[in-house]
Structure formats: structure tokens, C-alpha cells
């Protein structure tokens, strides 16, 4: 990286990420915005690969999402709620409360 301002900003932002006062994704957004607006960064051929390296270090790894498992979990819990709610034997009457 040739841009001294970007180097200083990245150090500052990284310290904020470590202190948990800035979200890692927000830091990545700030870096990309700076690179898009800075003449020095635009002329530097190595800045984009450096930004990508920093991004992979900062952002947590993405978790694979299994849509079928999510739908199955939602369907199972909804069925369980329906089964419990529809059982007429589960309903207490006033006569049962008086016996206690």
C-alpha cells in the first residue's frame, strides 16, 4: 500500500475492531470506500489484493446455511405446537381446580 492515510486509517479501524467498538464488516466498508475515493489508492495496483487479505483476516468465516434443515426444524416445531394445543384432554375444567 502506498497511501499513508489508508495505512493510518486501517490501523485505527483495526484497533476499534479489536476493542469491539466497530464491527468488522463496517471496517471493510470503510476501507473499500476510501480506496474508491482516493487517487493514490486508485493508482496503486497492489491495494485491492491487500484489502482482500485484510478482509479475510477480519471477517469471521461464513457459516454454510442448509435451507432444508432450517425448514425441517421450523416444520417440526410447528407440528409439535399444533399437537399439544389440539389435545382436548389437556384442557382443565373448573371442576378439576376445585378438587385441590
N, C-alpha and C. Protein backbone atom coordinates (compact mmCIF):
# COMPACT_ATOMS: atom_id res chain seq x y z
N UNK A 1 0.85 -1.18 0.00
CA UNK A 1 0.00 0.00 0.00
C UNK A 1 0.89 1.24 0.00
N UNK A 2 0.58 2.14 -0.88
CA UNK A 2 1.35 3.36 -0.98
C UNK A 2 0.70 4.52 -0.22
N UNK A 3 -0.57 4.43 0.06
CA UNK A 3 -1.31 5.52 0.69
C UNK A 3 -1.09 5.51 2.21
N UNK A 4 -0.39 6.54 2.68
CA UNK A 4 -0.13 6.63 4.12
C UNK A 4 -1.42 6.86 4.91
N UNK A 5 -2.34 7.59 4.32
CA UNK A 5 -3.60 7.85 5.01
C UNK A 5 -4.37 6.54 5.23
N UNK A 6 -4.42 5.69 4.20
CA UNK A 6 -5.11 4.41 4.33
C UNK A 6 -4.42 3.54 5.38
N UNK A 7 -3.11 3.53 5.40
CA UNK A 7 -2.38 2.75 6.41
C UNK A 7 -2.77 3.21 7.82
N UNK A 8 -2.80 4.52 8.02
CA UNK A 8 -3.15 5.06 9.34
C UNK A 8 -4.59 4.73 9.70
N UNK A 9 -5.50 4.88 8.72
CA UNK A 9 -6.91 4.58 8.96
C UNK A 9 -7.12 3.10 9.29
N UNK A 10 -6.46 2.22 8.56
CA UNK A 10 -6.61 0.78 8.79
C UNK A 10 -6.14 0.41 10.19
N UNK A 11 -5.03 0.99 10.62
CA UNK A 11 -4.54 0.71 11.98
C UNK A 11 -5.55 1.18 13.02
N UNK A 12 -6.10 2.38 12.81
CA UNK A 12 -7.08 2.93 13.74
C UNK A 12 -8.36 2.07 13.75
N UNK A 13 -8.85 1.73 12.58
CA UNK A 13 -10.07 0.92 12.48
C UNK A 13 -9.85 -0.46 13.09
N UNK A 14 -8.68 -1.05 12.83
CA UNK A 14 -8.40 -2.38 13.37
C UNK A 14 -8.38 -2.35 14.91
N UNK A 15 -7.82 -1.30 15.48
CA UNK A 15 -7.82 -1.16 16.94
C UNK A 15 -9.26 -1.07 17.45
N UNK A 16 -10.12 -0.38 16.73
CA UNK A 16 -11.52 -0.28 17.14
C UNK A 16 -12.23 -1.63 17.02
N UNK A 17 -11.89 -2.39 16.01
CA UNK A 17 -12.48 -3.73 15.85
C UNK A 17 -12.03 -4.62 17.02
N UNK A 18 -10.76 -4.53 17.39
CA UNK A 18 -10.24 -5.33 18.49
C UNK A 18 -10.88 -4.93 19.82
N UNK A 19 -11.19 -3.64 19.97
CA UNK A 19 -11.86 -3.15 21.18
C UNK A 19 -13.36 -3.38 21.15
N UNK A 20 -13.84 -3.93 20.05
CA UNK A 20 -15.27 -4.20 19.82
C UNK A 20 -16.12 -2.93 19.83
N UNK A 21 -15.52 -1.82 19.36
CA UNK A 21 -16.29 -0.59 19.21
C UNK A 21 -16.66 -0.37 17.75
N UNK A 22 -16.17 -1.24 16.87
CA UNK A 22 -16.53 -1.18 15.45
C UNK A 22 -16.71 -2.61 14.95
N UNK A 23 -17.74 -2.78 14.13
CA UNK A 23 -17.99 -4.09 13.54
C UNK A 23 -16.97 -4.34 12.41
N UNK A 24 -16.49 -5.58 12.29
CA UNK A 24 -15.53 -5.88 11.22
C UNK A 24 -16.06 -5.56 9.82
N UNK A 25 -17.33 -5.83 9.59
CA UNK A 25 -17.91 -5.54 8.27
C UNK A 25 -17.90 -4.04 7.98
N UNK A 26 -18.08 -3.24 9.01
CA UNK A 26 -18.05 -1.79 8.84
C UNK A 26 -16.64 -1.33 8.46
N UNK A 27 -15.63 -1.93 9.05
CA UNK A 27 -14.25 -1.60 8.70
C UNK A 27 -13.98 -1.91 7.24
N UNK A 28 -14.46 -3.06 6.78
CA UNK A 28 -14.27 -3.44 5.38
C UNK A 28 -14.95 -2.42 4.47
N UNK A 29 -16.14 -1.98 4.85
CA UNK A 29 -16.85 -0.99 4.06
C UNK A 29 -16.07 0.31 4.01
N UNK A 30 -15.54 0.76 5.14
CA UNK A 30 -14.75 1.99 5.18
C UNK A 30 -13.50 1.89 4.31
N UNK A 31 -12.81 0.73 4.36
CA UNK A 31 -11.62 0.55 3.52
C UNK A 31 -11.97 0.64 2.05
N UNK A 32 -13.04 -0.04 1.66
CA UNK A 32 -13.43 -0.03 0.25
C UNK A 32 -13.88 1.35 -0.21
N UNK A 33 -14.56 2.09 0.65
CA UNK A 33 -14.96 3.45 0.30
C UNK A 33 -13.74 4.35 0.12
N UNK A 34 -12.76 4.21 1.02
CA UNK A 34 -11.55 5.02 0.90
C UNK A 34 -10.84 4.72 -0.41
N UNK A 35 -10.67 3.45 -0.73
CA UNK A 35 -9.97 3.06 -1.95
C UNK A 35 -10.70 3.60 -3.18
N UNK A 36 -12.01 3.61 -3.16
CA UNK A 36 -12.79 4.09 -4.31
C UNK A 36 -12.67 5.60 -4.50
N UNK A 37 -12.39 6.33 -3.41
CA UNK A 37 -12.36 7.80 -3.48
C UNK A 37 -10.95 8.39 -3.51
N UNK A 38 -9.92 7.62 -3.21
CA UNK A 38 -8.56 8.13 -3.07
C UNK A 38 -7.78 7.96 -4.38
N UNK A 39 -7.20 9.05 -4.87
CA UNK A 39 -6.43 8.99 -6.12
C UNK A 39 -5.19 8.11 -5.97
N UNK A 40 -4.53 8.18 -4.82
CA UNK A 40 -3.33 7.36 -4.58
C UNK A 40 -3.69 5.88 -4.60
N UNK A 41 -4.78 5.54 -3.94
CA UNK A 41 -5.20 4.13 -3.88
C UNK A 41 -5.67 3.62 -5.24
N UNK A 42 -6.31 4.50 -6.00
CA UNK A 42 -6.79 4.08 -7.32
C UNK A 42 -5.62 3.77 -8.26
N UNK A 43 -4.50 4.46 -8.08
CA UNK A 43 -3.35 4.22 -8.96
C UNK A 43 -2.45 3.09 -8.44
N UNK A 44 -2.67 2.63 -7.24
CA UNK A 44 -1.86 1.56 -6.64
C UNK A 44 -2.41 0.20 -7.06
N UNK A 45 -1.63 -0.59 -7.82
CA UNK A 45 -2.13 -1.89 -8.28
C UNK A 45 -2.19 -2.95 -7.18
N UNK A 46 -1.52 -2.70 -6.05
CA UNK A 46 -1.44 -3.71 -5.00
C UNK A 46 -2.45 -3.49 -3.88
N UNK A 47 -3.16 -2.37 -3.91
CA UNK A 47 -4.03 -2.06 -2.78
C UNK A 47 -5.25 -2.99 -2.71
N UNK A 48 -5.84 -3.32 -3.83
CA UNK A 48 -7.03 -4.19 -3.81
C UNK A 48 -6.72 -5.60 -3.27
N UNK A 49 -5.64 -6.23 -3.70
CA UNK A 49 -5.31 -7.53 -3.09
C UNK A 49 -5.02 -7.42 -1.59
N UNK A 50 -4.41 -6.31 -1.16
CA UNK A 50 -4.15 -6.11 0.26
C UNK A 50 -5.47 -5.96 1.03
N UNK A 51 -6.41 -5.24 0.45
CA UNK A 51 -7.73 -5.07 1.09
C UNK A 51 -8.42 -6.42 1.22
N UNK A 52 -8.31 -7.26 0.20
CA UNK A 52 -8.92 -8.59 0.26
C UNK A 52 -8.26 -9.45 1.33
N UNK A 53 -6.95 -9.36 1.49
CA UNK A 53 -6.25 -10.11 2.54
C UNK A 53 -6.73 -9.66 3.92
N UNK A 54 -6.80 -8.34 4.09
CA UNK A 54 -7.27 -7.79 5.37
C UNK A 54 -8.70 -8.24 5.64
N UNK A 55 -9.52 -8.22 4.60
CA UNK A 55 -10.93 -8.63 4.74
C UNK A 55 -11.04 -10.07 5.21
N UNK A 56 -10.25 -10.96 4.63
CA UNK A 56 -10.32 -12.37 5.04
C UNK A 56 -9.83 -12.57 6.46
N UNK A 57 -8.91 -11.72 6.91
CA UNK A 57 -8.42 -11.82 8.29
C UNK A 57 -9.43 -11.29 9.30
N UNK A 58 -10.14 -10.25 8.92
CA UNK A 58 -11.02 -9.56 9.86
C UNK A 58 -12.40 -10.22 9.97
N UNK A 59 -13.01 -10.51 8.83
CA UNK A 59 -14.36 -11.05 8.85
C UNK A 59 -14.36 -12.49 9.32
N UNK A 60 -15.33 -12.86 10.14
CA UNK A 60 -15.42 -14.27 10.55
C UNK A 60 -15.81 -15.12 9.35
N UNK A 61 -15.43 -16.39 9.37
CA UNK A 61 -15.80 -17.26 8.24
C UNK A 61 -17.31 -17.41 8.16
N UNK A 62 -17.79 -17.47 6.93
CA UNK A 62 -19.23 -17.64 6.73
C UNK A 62 -19.63 -19.06 7.09
N UNK A 63 -20.77 -19.17 7.75
CA UNK A 63 -21.30 -20.48 8.10
C UNK A 63 -22.18 -20.96 6.96
N UNK A 64 -22.00 -22.21 6.55
CA UNK A 64 -22.86 -22.73 5.49
C UNK A 64 -24.30 -22.84 5.99
N UNK A 65 -25.21 -22.40 5.16
CA UNK A 65 -26.62 -22.44 5.54
C UNK A 65 -27.30 -23.58 4.79
N UNK A 66 -27.95 -24.43 5.55
CA UNK A 66 -28.67 -25.55 4.96
C UNK A 66 -30.15 -25.22 5.04
N UNK A 67 -30.72 -24.79 3.93
CA UNK A 67 -32.11 -24.36 3.89
C UNK A 67 -33.06 -25.51 4.24
N UNK A 68 -32.74 -26.72 3.81
CA UNK A 68 -33.61 -27.85 4.10
C UNK A 68 -33.67 -28.14 5.60
N UNK A 69 -32.53 -28.03 6.28
CA UNK A 69 -32.51 -28.29 7.72
C UNK A 69 -33.29 -27.21 8.47
N UNK A 70 -33.17 -25.96 8.01
CA UNK A 70 -33.91 -24.87 8.66
C UNK A 70 -35.41 -25.06 8.50
N UNK A 71 -35.83 -25.44 7.30
CA UNK A 71 -37.26 -25.65 7.05
C UNK A 71 -37.78 -26.84 7.86
N UNK A 72 -36.97 -27.87 7.95
CA UNK A 72 -37.39 -29.05 8.71
C UNK A 72 -37.54 -28.70 10.19
N UNK A 73 -36.63 -27.91 10.71
CA UNK A 73 -36.71 -27.52 12.12
C UNK A 73 -37.94 -26.67 12.37
N UNK A 74 -38.24 -25.78 11.46
CA UNK A 74 -39.43 -24.95 11.61
C UNK A 74 -40.70 -25.79 11.53
N UNK A 75 -40.74 -26.71 10.60
CA UNK A 75 -41.92 -27.56 10.44
C UNK A 75 -42.13 -28.47 11.63
N UNK A 76 -41.08 -29.02 12.18
CA UNK A 76 -41.18 -29.92 13.33
C UNK A 76 -41.69 -29.19 14.55
N UNK A 77 -41.17 -28.01 14.81
CA UNK A 77 -41.62 -27.27 15.99
C UNK A 77 -43.06 -26.80 15.83
N UNK A 78 -43.47 -26.45 14.63
CA UNK A 78 -44.85 -26.02 14.42
C UNK A 78 -45.81 -27.19 14.60
N UNK A 79 -45.40 -28.38 14.13
CA UNK A 79 -46.25 -29.55 14.29
C UNK A 79 -46.39 -29.90 15.77
N UNK A 80 -45.32 -29.78 16.53
CA UNK A 80 -45.36 -30.10 17.95
C UNK A 80 -46.30 -29.15 18.68
N UNK A 81 -46.29 -27.90 18.31
CA UNK A 81 -47.17 -26.92 18.94
C UNK A 81 -48.63 -27.24 18.60
N UNK A 82 -48.88 -27.61 17.36
CA UNK A 82 -50.25 -27.94 16.95
C UNK A 82 -50.75 -29.17 17.70
N UNK A 83 -49.90 -30.19 17.85
CA UNK A 83 -50.32 -31.41 18.52
C UNK A 83 -50.66 -31.15 19.98
N UNK A 84 -49.86 -30.36 20.66
CA UNK A 84 -50.10 -30.08 22.08
C UNK A 84 -51.33 -29.22 22.24
N UNK A 85 -51.50 -28.25 21.38
CA UNK A 85 -52.63 -27.32 21.50
C UNK A 85 -53.97 -27.92 21.15
N UNK A 86 -54.02 -29.00 20.39
CA UNK A 86 -55.28 -29.56 19.93
C UNK A 86 -55.77 -30.72 20.78
N UNK A 87 -55.11 -31.09 21.83
CA UNK A 87 -55.49 -32.22 22.66
C UNK A 87 -56.57 -31.77 23.66
N UNK A 88 -57.82 -32.27 23.51
CA UNK A 88 -58.89 -31.83 24.41
C UNK A 88 -58.70 -32.30 25.84
N UNK A 89 -57.90 -33.35 26.08
CA UNK A 89 -57.67 -33.84 27.44
C UNK A 89 -56.77 -32.89 28.24
N UNK A 90 -56.01 -32.02 27.55
CA UNK A 90 -55.11 -31.10 28.23
C UNK A 90 -55.83 -29.91 28.83
N UNK A 91 -57.06 -29.68 28.45
CA UNK A 91 -57.80 -28.53 28.93
C UNK A 91 -58.36 -28.83 30.31
N UNK A 92 -58.07 -27.96 31.29
CA UNK A 92 -58.59 -28.15 32.64
C UNK A 92 -59.95 -27.48 32.75
N UNK A 93 -60.81 -28.10 33.51
CA UNK A 93 -62.12 -27.51 33.74
C UNK A 93 -62.15 -26.91 35.14
N UNK A 94 -63.17 -26.13 35.43
CA UNK A 94 -63.29 -25.51 36.74
C UNK A 94 -63.51 -26.55 37.83
N UNK A 95 -64.18 -27.67 37.50
CA UNK A 95 -64.43 -28.72 38.47
C UNK A 95 -63.13 -29.35 38.94
N UNK A 96 -62.16 -29.52 38.03
CA UNK A 96 -60.89 -30.13 38.40
C UNK A 96 -60.11 -29.24 39.35
N UNK A 97 -60.18 -27.92 39.21
CA UNK A 97 -59.46 -26.99 40.06
C UNK A 97 -60.01 -27.01 41.49
N UNK A 98 -61.31 -27.22 41.66
CA UNK A 98 -61.91 -27.20 42.97
C UNK A 98 -61.49 -28.38 43.84
N UNK A 99 -61.08 -29.48 43.23
CA UNK A 99 -60.72 -30.68 43.98
C UNK A 99 -59.42 -30.50 44.76
N UNK A 100 -58.63 -29.56 44.41
CA UNK A 100 -57.31 -29.41 45.03
C UNK A 100 -57.39 -28.79 46.36
